[in-house]
N, C-alpha and C. Protein backbone atom coordinates (compact mmCIF):
# COMPACT_ATOMS: atom_id res chain seq x y z
N UNK A 1 23.41 23.09 -19.02
CA UNK A 1 22.10 22.89 -19.69
C UNK A 1 21.12 22.42 -18.63
N UNK A 2 19.91 23.08 -18.76
CA UNK A 2 18.87 22.75 -17.76
C UNK A 2 17.79 21.90 -18.51
N UNK A 3 17.54 20.81 -17.94
CA UNK A 3 16.39 19.90 -18.42
C UNK A 3 15.27 19.84 -17.45
N UNK A 4 14.05 19.82 -17.90
CA UNK A 4 12.97 19.61 -17.09
C UNK A 4 12.32 18.24 -17.36
N UNK A 5 11.85 17.61 -16.32
CA UNK A 5 11.38 16.23 -16.40
C UNK A 5 10.02 16.14 -15.74
N UNK A 6 9.16 15.44 -16.32
CA UNK A 6 7.82 15.08 -15.62
C UNK A 6 7.76 13.70 -15.55
N UNK A 7 7.48 13.11 -14.41
CA UNK A 7 7.31 11.72 -14.24
C UNK A 7 5.91 11.42 -13.61
N UNK A 8 5.16 10.62 -14.31
CA UNK A 8 3.87 10.14 -13.75
C UNK A 8 4.15 8.75 -13.11
N UNK A 9 3.61 8.63 -11.86
CA UNK A 9 3.90 7.39 -11.12
C UNK A 9 5.18 7.52 -10.36
N UNK A 10 5.17 7.25 -9.12
CA UNK A 10 6.40 7.48 -8.27
C UNK A 10 6.96 6.24 -7.86
N UNK A 11 6.15 5.23 -7.36
CA UNK A 11 6.70 4.09 -6.65
C UNK A 11 7.46 4.48 -5.54
N UNK A 12 8.66 3.87 -5.31
CA UNK A 12 9.53 4.25 -4.11
C UNK A 12 10.50 5.33 -4.51
N UNK A 13 10.43 5.86 -5.73
CA UNK A 13 11.17 7.07 -6.06
C UNK A 13 12.63 6.85 -6.60
N UNK A 14 12.94 5.60 -6.90
CA UNK A 14 14.39 5.37 -7.33
C UNK A 14 14.70 6.19 -8.58
N UNK A 15 13.82 6.16 -9.65
CA UNK A 15 14.12 6.85 -10.85
C UNK A 15 14.14 8.41 -10.64
N UNK A 16 13.13 8.88 -9.88
CA UNK A 16 13.06 10.33 -9.59
C UNK A 16 14.28 10.75 -8.83
N UNK A 17 14.74 9.96 -7.86
CA UNK A 17 15.91 10.36 -7.03
C UNK A 17 17.10 10.44 -8.02
N UNK A 18 17.31 9.52 -8.94
CA UNK A 18 18.45 9.64 -9.84
C UNK A 18 18.32 10.94 -10.72
N UNK A 19 17.15 11.28 -11.19
CA UNK A 19 16.98 12.54 -11.96
C UNK A 19 17.33 13.74 -11.08
N UNK A 20 16.89 13.71 -9.86
CA UNK A 20 17.18 14.85 -8.94
C UNK A 20 18.70 15.01 -8.74
N UNK A 21 19.32 13.86 -8.53
CA UNK A 21 20.69 13.81 -8.22
C UNK A 21 21.53 14.28 -9.40
N UNK A 22 21.00 14.13 -10.64
CA UNK A 22 21.71 14.58 -11.82
C UNK A 22 21.25 16.04 -12.20
N UNK A 23 20.58 16.64 -11.26
CA UNK A 23 20.29 18.12 -11.48
C UNK A 23 19.15 18.44 -12.36
N UNK A 24 18.28 17.45 -12.66
CA UNK A 24 17.10 17.79 -13.50
C UNK A 24 15.96 18.41 -12.65
N UNK A 25 15.42 19.48 -13.12
CA UNK A 25 14.19 20.05 -12.51
C UNK A 25 13.07 19.00 -12.63
N UNK A 26 12.65 18.42 -11.58
CA UNK A 26 11.74 17.24 -11.71
C UNK A 26 10.36 17.49 -11.12
N UNK A 27 9.43 17.18 -11.91
CA UNK A 27 7.94 17.31 -11.55
C UNK A 27 7.45 15.97 -11.39
N UNK A 28 6.79 15.61 -10.34
CA UNK A 28 6.18 14.28 -10.05
C UNK A 28 4.69 14.44 -10.05
N UNK A 29 3.98 13.57 -10.75
CA UNK A 29 2.56 13.45 -10.58
C UNK A 29 2.26 12.05 -10.01
N UNK A 30 1.73 12.04 -8.87
CA UNK A 30 1.35 10.74 -8.18
C UNK A 30 -0.05 10.87 -7.65
N UNK A 31 -0.90 9.91 -7.93
CA UNK A 31 -2.36 10.03 -7.52
C UNK A 31 -2.48 9.84 -5.99
N UNK A 32 -1.57 9.11 -5.40
CA UNK A 32 -1.74 8.65 -3.98
C UNK A 32 -0.70 9.38 -3.09
N UNK A 33 -1.10 10.30 -2.20
CA UNK A 33 -0.14 10.95 -1.38
C UNK A 33 0.63 9.97 -0.39
N UNK A 34 -0.04 8.83 -0.10
CA UNK A 34 0.70 7.88 0.78
C UNK A 34 1.90 7.27 0.01
N UNK A 35 1.87 7.21 -1.23
CA UNK A 35 3.04 6.68 -2.01
C UNK A 35 4.16 7.66 -1.86
N UNK A 36 3.92 8.89 -2.04
CA UNK A 36 4.93 9.92 -1.87
C UNK A 36 5.46 10.00 -0.44
N UNK A 37 4.59 9.85 0.50
CA UNK A 37 5.11 9.76 1.94
C UNK A 37 5.99 8.61 2.16
N UNK A 38 5.66 7.47 1.66
CA UNK A 38 6.49 6.29 1.86
C UNK A 38 7.80 6.45 1.09
N UNK A 39 7.85 7.01 -0.08
CA UNK A 39 9.09 7.27 -0.80
C UNK A 39 10.01 8.15 -0.02
N UNK A 40 9.52 9.17 0.58
CA UNK A 40 10.33 10.16 1.35
C UNK A 40 10.70 9.61 2.73
N UNK A 41 9.69 9.05 3.40
CA UNK A 41 10.03 8.53 4.76
C UNK A 41 10.82 7.32 4.81
N UNK A 42 10.62 6.36 3.97
CA UNK A 42 11.22 5.06 4.00
C UNK A 42 12.37 4.77 3.03
N UNK A 43 12.39 5.57 1.92
CA UNK A 43 13.33 5.28 0.80
C UNK A 43 14.22 6.54 0.63
N UNK A 44 14.10 7.58 1.38
CA UNK A 44 14.96 8.76 1.31
C UNK A 44 14.91 9.58 0.05
N UNK A 45 13.71 9.64 -0.56
CA UNK A 45 13.52 10.46 -1.71
C UNK A 45 13.76 12.00 -1.41
N UNK A 46 14.63 12.64 -2.21
CA UNK A 46 14.74 14.06 -1.99
C UNK A 46 13.63 14.76 -2.52
N UNK A 47 13.49 16.07 -2.23
CA UNK A 47 12.42 16.90 -2.55
C UNK A 47 12.44 17.23 -4.10
N UNK A 48 11.46 16.74 -4.89
CA UNK A 48 11.41 17.16 -6.30
C UNK A 48 11.07 18.68 -6.45
N UNK A 49 11.24 19.17 -7.60
CA UNK A 49 10.88 20.56 -7.84
C UNK A 49 9.40 20.82 -7.57
N UNK A 50 8.52 19.94 -7.96
CA UNK A 50 7.11 20.04 -7.69
C UNK A 50 6.50 18.71 -7.61
N UNK A 51 5.49 18.54 -6.83
CA UNK A 51 4.74 17.31 -6.71
C UNK A 51 3.22 17.63 -6.78
N UNK A 52 2.53 16.78 -7.63
CA UNK A 52 1.07 17.03 -7.81
C UNK A 52 0.35 15.70 -7.49
N UNK A 53 -0.60 15.82 -6.57
CA UNK A 53 -1.37 14.58 -6.20
C UNK A 53 -2.66 14.56 -7.05
N UNK A 54 -2.50 13.92 -8.15
CA UNK A 54 -3.65 14.02 -9.20
C UNK A 54 -3.51 12.91 -10.11
N UNK A 55 -4.58 12.54 -10.76
CA UNK A 55 -4.55 11.51 -11.86
C UNK A 55 -3.69 12.07 -12.98
N UNK A 56 -2.82 11.33 -13.53
CA UNK A 56 -1.83 11.83 -14.51
C UNK A 56 -2.56 12.23 -15.79
N UNK A 57 -3.65 11.49 -16.16
CA UNK A 57 -4.45 11.82 -17.37
C UNK A 57 -4.99 13.26 -17.23
N UNK A 58 -5.58 13.60 -16.08
CA UNK A 58 -6.15 14.90 -15.93
C UNK A 58 -5.06 16.01 -15.88
N UNK A 59 -3.98 15.69 -15.17
CA UNK A 59 -2.87 16.61 -15.11
C UNK A 59 -2.27 16.99 -16.46
N UNK A 60 -1.98 15.98 -17.21
CA UNK A 60 -1.39 16.20 -18.57
C UNK A 60 -2.38 16.98 -19.47
N UNK A 61 -3.64 16.57 -19.39
CA UNK A 61 -4.64 17.23 -20.25
C UNK A 61 -4.68 18.73 -19.96
N UNK A 62 -4.68 19.11 -18.65
CA UNK A 62 -4.69 20.52 -18.29
C UNK A 62 -3.40 21.24 -18.90
N UNK A 63 -2.25 20.68 -18.72
CA UNK A 63 -1.07 21.28 -19.21
C UNK A 63 -1.15 21.40 -20.76
N UNK A 64 -1.62 20.36 -21.44
CA UNK A 64 -1.65 20.33 -22.89
C UNK A 64 -2.64 21.44 -23.28
N UNK A 65 -3.80 21.63 -22.68
CA UNK A 65 -4.75 22.61 -23.04
C UNK A 65 -4.27 24.09 -22.78
N UNK A 66 -3.46 24.22 -21.74
CA UNK A 66 -2.99 25.59 -21.40
C UNK A 66 -1.77 25.92 -22.37
N UNK A 67 -1.10 25.04 -22.92
CA UNK A 67 -0.05 25.30 -23.81
C UNK A 67 1.01 26.28 -23.27
N UNK A 68 1.20 26.31 -22.00
CA UNK A 68 2.27 27.14 -21.48
C UNK A 68 3.32 26.41 -20.59
N UNK A 69 3.17 25.10 -20.56
CA UNK A 69 4.11 24.41 -19.72
C UNK A 69 4.61 23.21 -20.56
N UNK A 70 5.93 23.17 -20.74
CA UNK A 70 6.54 22.00 -21.51
C UNK A 70 7.69 21.40 -20.73
N UNK A 71 8.04 20.19 -21.19
CA UNK A 71 9.07 19.35 -20.51
C UNK A 71 9.94 18.81 -21.57
N UNK A 72 11.26 18.64 -21.18
CA UNK A 72 12.25 18.01 -22.10
C UNK A 72 12.10 16.54 -22.09
N UNK A 73 11.70 15.96 -21.04
CA UNK A 73 11.67 14.54 -20.83
C UNK A 73 10.29 14.19 -20.09
N UNK A 74 9.66 13.17 -20.55
CA UNK A 74 8.47 12.64 -19.84
C UNK A 74 8.76 11.20 -19.56
N UNK A 75 8.55 10.82 -18.33
CA UNK A 75 8.71 9.45 -17.95
C UNK A 75 7.32 8.97 -17.47
N UNK A 76 6.90 7.90 -18.18
CA UNK A 76 5.46 7.36 -17.93
C UNK A 76 5.64 6.02 -17.32
N UNK A 77 5.53 5.93 -16.00
CA UNK A 77 5.83 4.73 -15.26
C UNK A 77 4.64 4.37 -14.28
N UNK A 78 3.59 3.78 -14.90
CA UNK A 78 2.36 3.60 -14.15
C UNK A 78 1.95 2.12 -14.05
N UNK A 79 1.60 1.73 -12.82
CA UNK A 79 1.17 0.38 -12.61
C UNK A 79 0.25 0.48 -11.42
N UNK A 80 -0.86 -0.22 -11.40
CA UNK A 80 -1.83 -0.07 -10.29
C UNK A 80 -2.56 -1.40 -10.14
N UNK A 81 -2.47 -2.01 -9.01
CA UNK A 81 -3.26 -3.15 -8.55
C UNK A 81 -3.18 -4.36 -9.63
N UNK A 82 -2.05 -4.68 -10.06
CA UNK A 82 -1.89 -5.83 -11.02
C UNK A 82 -2.05 -5.50 -12.45
N UNK A 83 -2.15 -4.25 -12.79
CA UNK A 83 -2.26 -3.86 -14.17
C UNK A 83 -1.97 -2.43 -14.37
N UNK A 84 -2.17 -1.96 -15.62
CA UNK A 84 -1.82 -0.53 -15.95
C UNK A 84 -3.23 0.09 -16.17
N UNK A 85 -3.37 1.41 -15.73
CA UNK A 85 -4.56 2.14 -15.95
C UNK A 85 -4.79 2.37 -17.41
N UNK A 86 -5.84 1.83 -17.94
CA UNK A 86 -6.14 1.84 -19.40
C UNK A 86 -6.30 3.31 -19.93
N UNK A 87 -6.83 4.21 -19.12
CA UNK A 87 -7.06 5.58 -19.62
C UNK A 87 -5.76 6.32 -19.82
N UNK A 88 -4.65 5.78 -19.39
CA UNK A 88 -3.36 6.33 -19.57
C UNK A 88 -2.56 5.72 -20.75
N UNK A 89 -3.26 4.96 -21.57
CA UNK A 89 -2.74 4.35 -22.71
C UNK A 89 -3.57 4.53 -23.92
N UNK A 90 -4.21 5.70 -23.90
CA UNK A 90 -5.12 6.07 -25.08
C UNK A 90 -4.43 6.98 -26.01
N UNK A 91 -4.92 7.05 -27.18
CA UNK A 91 -4.34 7.97 -28.14
C UNK A 91 -4.45 9.41 -27.70
N UNK A 92 -5.51 9.70 -27.07
CA UNK A 92 -5.67 11.10 -26.53
C UNK A 92 -4.65 11.53 -25.49
N UNK A 93 -4.36 10.54 -24.61
CA UNK A 93 -3.39 10.79 -23.64
C UNK A 93 -1.99 11.02 -24.23
N UNK A 94 -1.61 10.22 -25.27
CA UNK A 94 -0.35 10.31 -25.89
C UNK A 94 -0.22 11.60 -26.71
N UNK A 95 -1.38 12.01 -27.27
CA UNK A 95 -1.36 13.27 -28.08
C UNK A 95 -1.07 14.48 -27.02
N UNK A 96 -1.72 14.39 -25.85
CA UNK A 96 -1.44 15.47 -24.87
C UNK A 96 -0.05 15.39 -24.34
N UNK A 97 0.58 14.20 -24.13
CA UNK A 97 1.97 14.09 -23.76
C UNK A 97 2.89 14.78 -24.86
N UNK A 98 2.49 14.47 -26.12
CA UNK A 98 3.28 15.08 -27.17
C UNK A 98 3.24 16.68 -27.10
N UNK A 99 2.10 17.25 -26.80
CA UNK A 99 1.96 18.67 -26.61
C UNK A 99 2.84 19.28 -25.52
N UNK A 100 3.05 18.55 -24.45
CA UNK A 100 3.78 19.13 -23.35
C UNK A 100 5.30 18.78 -23.55
N UNK A 101 5.71 18.10 -24.58
CA UNK A 101 7.14 17.92 -24.87
C UNK A 101 7.68 19.07 -25.68
């Protein structure tokens, strides 16, 4: 069985590494390329199926509008500067996430 996973927010990549090791086709959306570099250089993150350096809200909205890309699992793990980005907890965002599932 093949499962596809989209994770927004990378951190040090612990969750993504587990998904990769379990054979999931894993797409990562991370706004900061330095976070991805640190995860691979210092924490041994394996290469995900694809990586997108973009705001998760924009990335999800584009996929939802195109209606040609879906995922079996969505992991929403976002934290920035002492809080969570409010635009990623809107009804519109969650409706777009539903469309890509």
